[in-house]
Protein backbone atom coordinates (compact mmCIF):
# COMPACT_ATOMS: atom_id res chain seq x y z
CA MET A 1 -1.05 146.99 24.72
CA SER A 2 2.21 148.61 23.53
CA SER A 3 5.60 147.28 24.55
CA ASP A 4 6.27 150.48 26.53
CA HIS A 5 3.77 149.27 29.14
CA TYR A 6 5.89 146.14 29.66
CA GLU A 7 9.43 147.48 29.45
CA LEU A 8 9.56 149.46 32.69
CA PRO A 9 8.01 146.76 34.94
CA VAL A 10 10.33 144.14 33.44
CA ARG A 11 13.38 146.35 34.01
CA VAL A 12 12.31 146.99 37.60
CA LEU A 13 11.75 143.29 38.34
CA VAL A 14 14.99 142.11 36.71
CA LEU A 15 17.10 144.73 38.48
CA PHE A 16 15.44 144.10 41.83
CA PHE A 17 15.83 140.32 41.70
CA SER A 18 19.39 140.68 40.38
CA GLY A 19 20.21 142.60 43.56
CA VAL A 20 18.49 139.94 45.68
CA LEU A 21 20.44 137.15 43.95
CA PHE A 22 23.74 139.02 44.27
CA SER A 23 23.06 139.56 47.97
CA LEU A 24 22.25 135.90 48.66
CA LEU A 25 25.28 134.58 46.81
CA PHE A 26 27.59 137.15 48.37
CA SER A 27 26.26 136.37 51.86
CA ALA A 28 26.68 132.64 51.27
CA LEU A 29 30.31 133.20 50.34
CA LEU A 30 30.81 135.21 53.51
CA ILE A 31 29.24 132.55 55.73
CA GLN A 32 31.02 129.55 54.23
CA ARG A 33 34.40 130.45 52.76
CA GLU A 34 35.36 126.82 52.40
CA VAL A 35 32.17 125.69 50.64
CA THR A 36 32.07 125.60 46.85
CA SER A 37 28.39 124.60 46.54
CA LEU A 38 25.29 126.09 48.12
CA PRO A 39 23.52 123.53 50.34
CA VAL A 40 19.98 124.24 51.47
CA GLU A 41 21.00 124.85 55.09
CA ILE A 42 23.39 127.60 54.04
CA LEU A 43 20.72 129.42 52.06
CA GLN A 44 18.34 129.11 55.02
CA ASP A 45 21.01 130.58 57.28
CA VAL A 46 21.52 133.48 54.87
CA VAL A 47 17.83 134.32 54.68
CA SER A 48 17.01 133.86 58.36
CA SER A 49 20.03 135.77 59.70
CA ALA A 50 19.18 139.04 57.94
CA TRP A 51 15.92 138.79 56.00
CA TRP A 52 15.94 142.50 55.17
CA ALA A 53 19.38 142.45 53.49
CA PRO A 54 18.27 140.88 50.16
CA PHE A 55 15.32 143.27 49.97
CA ALA A 56 17.58 146.28 50.60
CA ALA A 57 20.06 144.96 48.03
CA GLY A 58 17.25 144.66 45.50
CA ILE A 59 16.19 148.28 46.06
CA LEU A 60 19.78 149.53 45.79
CA SER A 61 20.33 147.42 42.66
CA LEU A 62 17.21 148.94 41.13
CA CYS A 63 18.48 152.46 41.84
CA VAL A 64 21.94 151.79 40.40
CA GLY A 65 20.61 149.94 37.36
CA MET A 66 18.23 152.77 36.50
CA LEU A 67 20.86 155.44 37.20
CA TYR A 68 23.46 154.24 34.71
CA PRO A 69 21.41 154.55 31.49
CA THR A 70 19.96 157.82 32.77
CA VAL A 71 23.42 159.33 33.28
CA ASP A 72 24.49 157.97 29.88
CA SER A 73 21.60 159.74 28.17
CA ILE A 74 22.21 163.01 30.04
CA TYR A 75 25.93 163.22 29.23
CA GLY A 76 25.81 161.40 25.90
CA GLN A 77 28.36 158.75 26.83
CA LYS A 78 28.28 155.08 25.94
CA PRO A 79 30.33 152.13 27.25
CA VAL A 80 33.34 151.04 25.24
CA MET A 81 31.47 148.02 23.84
CA GLN A 82 27.86 147.82 22.73
CA CYS A 83 25.87 145.88 25.31
CA ASP A 84 24.47 142.51 24.29
CA TRP A 85 23.50 139.40 26.21
CA PRO A 86 26.77 137.42 25.81
CA TYR A 87 28.67 140.56 26.84
CA LEU A 88 26.45 140.91 29.91
CA ILE A 89 26.83 137.25 30.89
CA LYS A 90 30.61 137.58 30.62
CA CYS A 91 30.53 140.58 32.98
CA ILE A 92 28.46 138.67 35.56
CA ILE A 93 30.72 135.60 35.37
CA ILE A 94 33.85 137.70 35.88
CA TYR A 95 32.33 139.48 38.87
CA PHE A 96 31.35 136.26 40.64
CA GLY A 97 34.75 134.81 39.74
CA ILE A 98 36.33 137.71 41.62
CA ASN A 99 34.01 137.02 44.57
CA HIS A 100 34.95 133.36 44.59
CA ALA A 101 38.67 134.11 44.39
CA CYS A 102 38.33 136.55 47.27
CA MET A 103 36.89 133.85 49.52
CA LYS A 104 39.02 130.90 48.46
CA LEU A 105 42.53 132.27 47.96
CA ASP A 106 44.90 132.87 50.87
CA TYR A 107 46.57 136.25 51.09
CA MET A 108 49.46 137.29 53.30
CA ASN A 109 47.70 140.41 54.57
CA SER A 110 44.66 142.59 54.03
CA LEU A 111 46.64 145.18 52.04
CA GLN A 112 47.67 142.58 49.46
CA LEU A 113 44.07 141.42 49.05
CA SER A 114 42.74 144.97 48.89
CA LEU A 115 45.22 146.01 46.19
CA THR A 116 44.52 142.86 44.16
CA LEU A 117 40.75 143.35 44.25
CA THR A 118 41.05 147.06 43.52
CA THR A 119 43.06 146.24 40.40
CA LEU A 120 40.55 143.60 39.29
CA SER A 121 37.59 145.92 39.88
CA LEU A 122 39.18 148.71 37.86
CA MET A 123 39.87 146.18 35.11
CA MET A 124 36.15 145.38 35.08
CA TRP A 125 35.40 149.06 34.56
CA TRP A 126 38.00 149.24 31.79
CA LEU A 127 36.66 146.15 30.02
CA PHE A 128 32.92 146.78 30.31
CA ASP A 129 32.50 150.54 30.71
CA ARG A 130 35.48 152.86 30.18
CA THR A 131 33.40 156.04 30.55
CA VAL A 132 34.11 158.88 32.95
CA CYS A 133 30.45 159.01 34.00
CA GLY A 134 30.43 155.27 34.67
CA LEU A 135 33.54 155.58 36.82
CA ALA A 136 32.08 158.53 38.73
CA VAL A 137 28.78 156.75 39.36
CA GLY A 138 30.68 153.63 40.43
CA VAL A 139 32.91 155.48 42.89
CA VAL A 140 30.08 157.51 44.43
CA SER A 141 27.80 154.46 44.68
CA THR A 142 30.60 152.38 46.20
CA PHE A 143 31.33 155.05 48.81
CA PHE A 144 27.64 155.24 49.72
CA LEU A 145 27.10 151.47 49.89
CA THR A 146 30.29 150.82 51.86
CA SER A 147 29.47 153.58 54.35
CA LEU A 148 25.94 152.23 54.71
CA SER A 149 27.16 148.69 55.37
CA GLN A 150 29.60 149.86 58.02
CA LEU A 151 26.90 151.97 59.71
CA LEU A 152 24.64 148.90 59.86
CA VAL A 153 27.42 146.88 61.49
CA TYR A 154 28.30 149.70 63.88
CA HIS A 155 24.70 150.07 65.08
CA GLY A 156 24.18 146.32 65.44
CA PHE A 157 21.83 145.73 62.52
CA ALA A 158 24.37 143.40 60.93
CA SER A 159 27.46 141.55 62.07
CA TYR A 160 30.36 139.55 60.73
CA GLU A 161 30.77 135.89 61.60
CA ARG A 162 34.54 136.11 62.03
CA PRO A 163 36.54 138.63 64.09
CA ASP A 164 38.43 140.00 61.07
CA PHE A 165 36.45 143.20 60.67
CA PHE A 166 39.35 145.23 59.28
CA PHE A 167 40.14 142.42 56.85
CA LEU A 168 36.57 142.48 55.57
CA ARG A 169 36.43 146.25 55.42
CA SER A 170 39.61 146.39 53.34
CA TRP A 171 38.22 144.43 50.39
CA LEU A 172 34.55 145.36 50.71
CA PRO A 173 34.74 148.59 48.62
CA SER A 174 36.38 146.76 45.72
CA LEU A 175 33.64 144.12 45.62
CA MET A 176 31.03 146.86 45.94
CA PHE A 177 32.55 148.68 42.97
CA GLY A 178 32.53 145.50 40.89
CA ALA A 179 28.88 144.92 41.84
CA VAL A 180 27.96 148.47 40.81
CA ILE A 181 29.67 148.04 37.43
CA THR A 182 27.87 144.71 36.91
CA ILE A 183 24.45 146.05 37.89
CA GLY A 184 25.06 149.12 35.74
CA THR A 185 25.81 146.85 32.78
CA ILE A 186 22.57 144.96 33.41
CA GLY A 187 20.67 148.25 33.58
CA ARG A 188 22.18 149.45 30.31
CA GLN A 189 21.33 146.22 28.52
CA LEU A 190 17.75 146.27 29.77
CA SER A 191 17.43 149.90 28.73
CA ALA A 192 18.64 149.11 25.22
CA PHE A 193 16.55 145.96 24.87
CA LYS A 194 13.14 146.46 23.27
CA LEU A 195 10.37 144.00 23.97
CA SER A 196 8.81 144.98 20.67
CA HIS A 197 11.47 142.81 19.00
CA LEU A 198 9.95 139.79 20.70
CA HIS A 199 6.44 140.72 19.56
CA ASP A 200 7.63 141.26 15.98
CA GLU A 201 9.15 137.79 15.92
């Protein structure tokens, strides 16, 4: 069987489970801001409180990860650096470092945190993408995902543990944008990676 029969299912599975993993880790950070590790009881709380959230995140991750290489091929644009696995790992580490800093560091007000995270998220785009199409897809996807999350909270399908809703809403778009850039980078790498190389070896 040719490698083409394997490439699409592998891309779908990796993107889907990347979204699930991102959702679980992000939710754990929201639930326990003071915890640096992930005890079993925290993960159980994450899964049981909103079992549908990781599944939805996986579907959205799949859509974003497939969209980026498609838009690249349509408009003929490529990220500033050629994707490879160390480059991808660096992008993921930086994104989760931003998440961790968001939860652990104390800020004077929500505006200060929002501006800091906006700057860091745009730096991620500059370092790992730097294309107009990538920026446009990131902004549109961030607007859609942020609006969707707020609609879910408004209609009672989700809720925040702490009564700092405006504080959460202020930095949520920046983290969403960073997640979109990271998932887009994963999608690009998977699109460029050929399983036939493994068979040849």
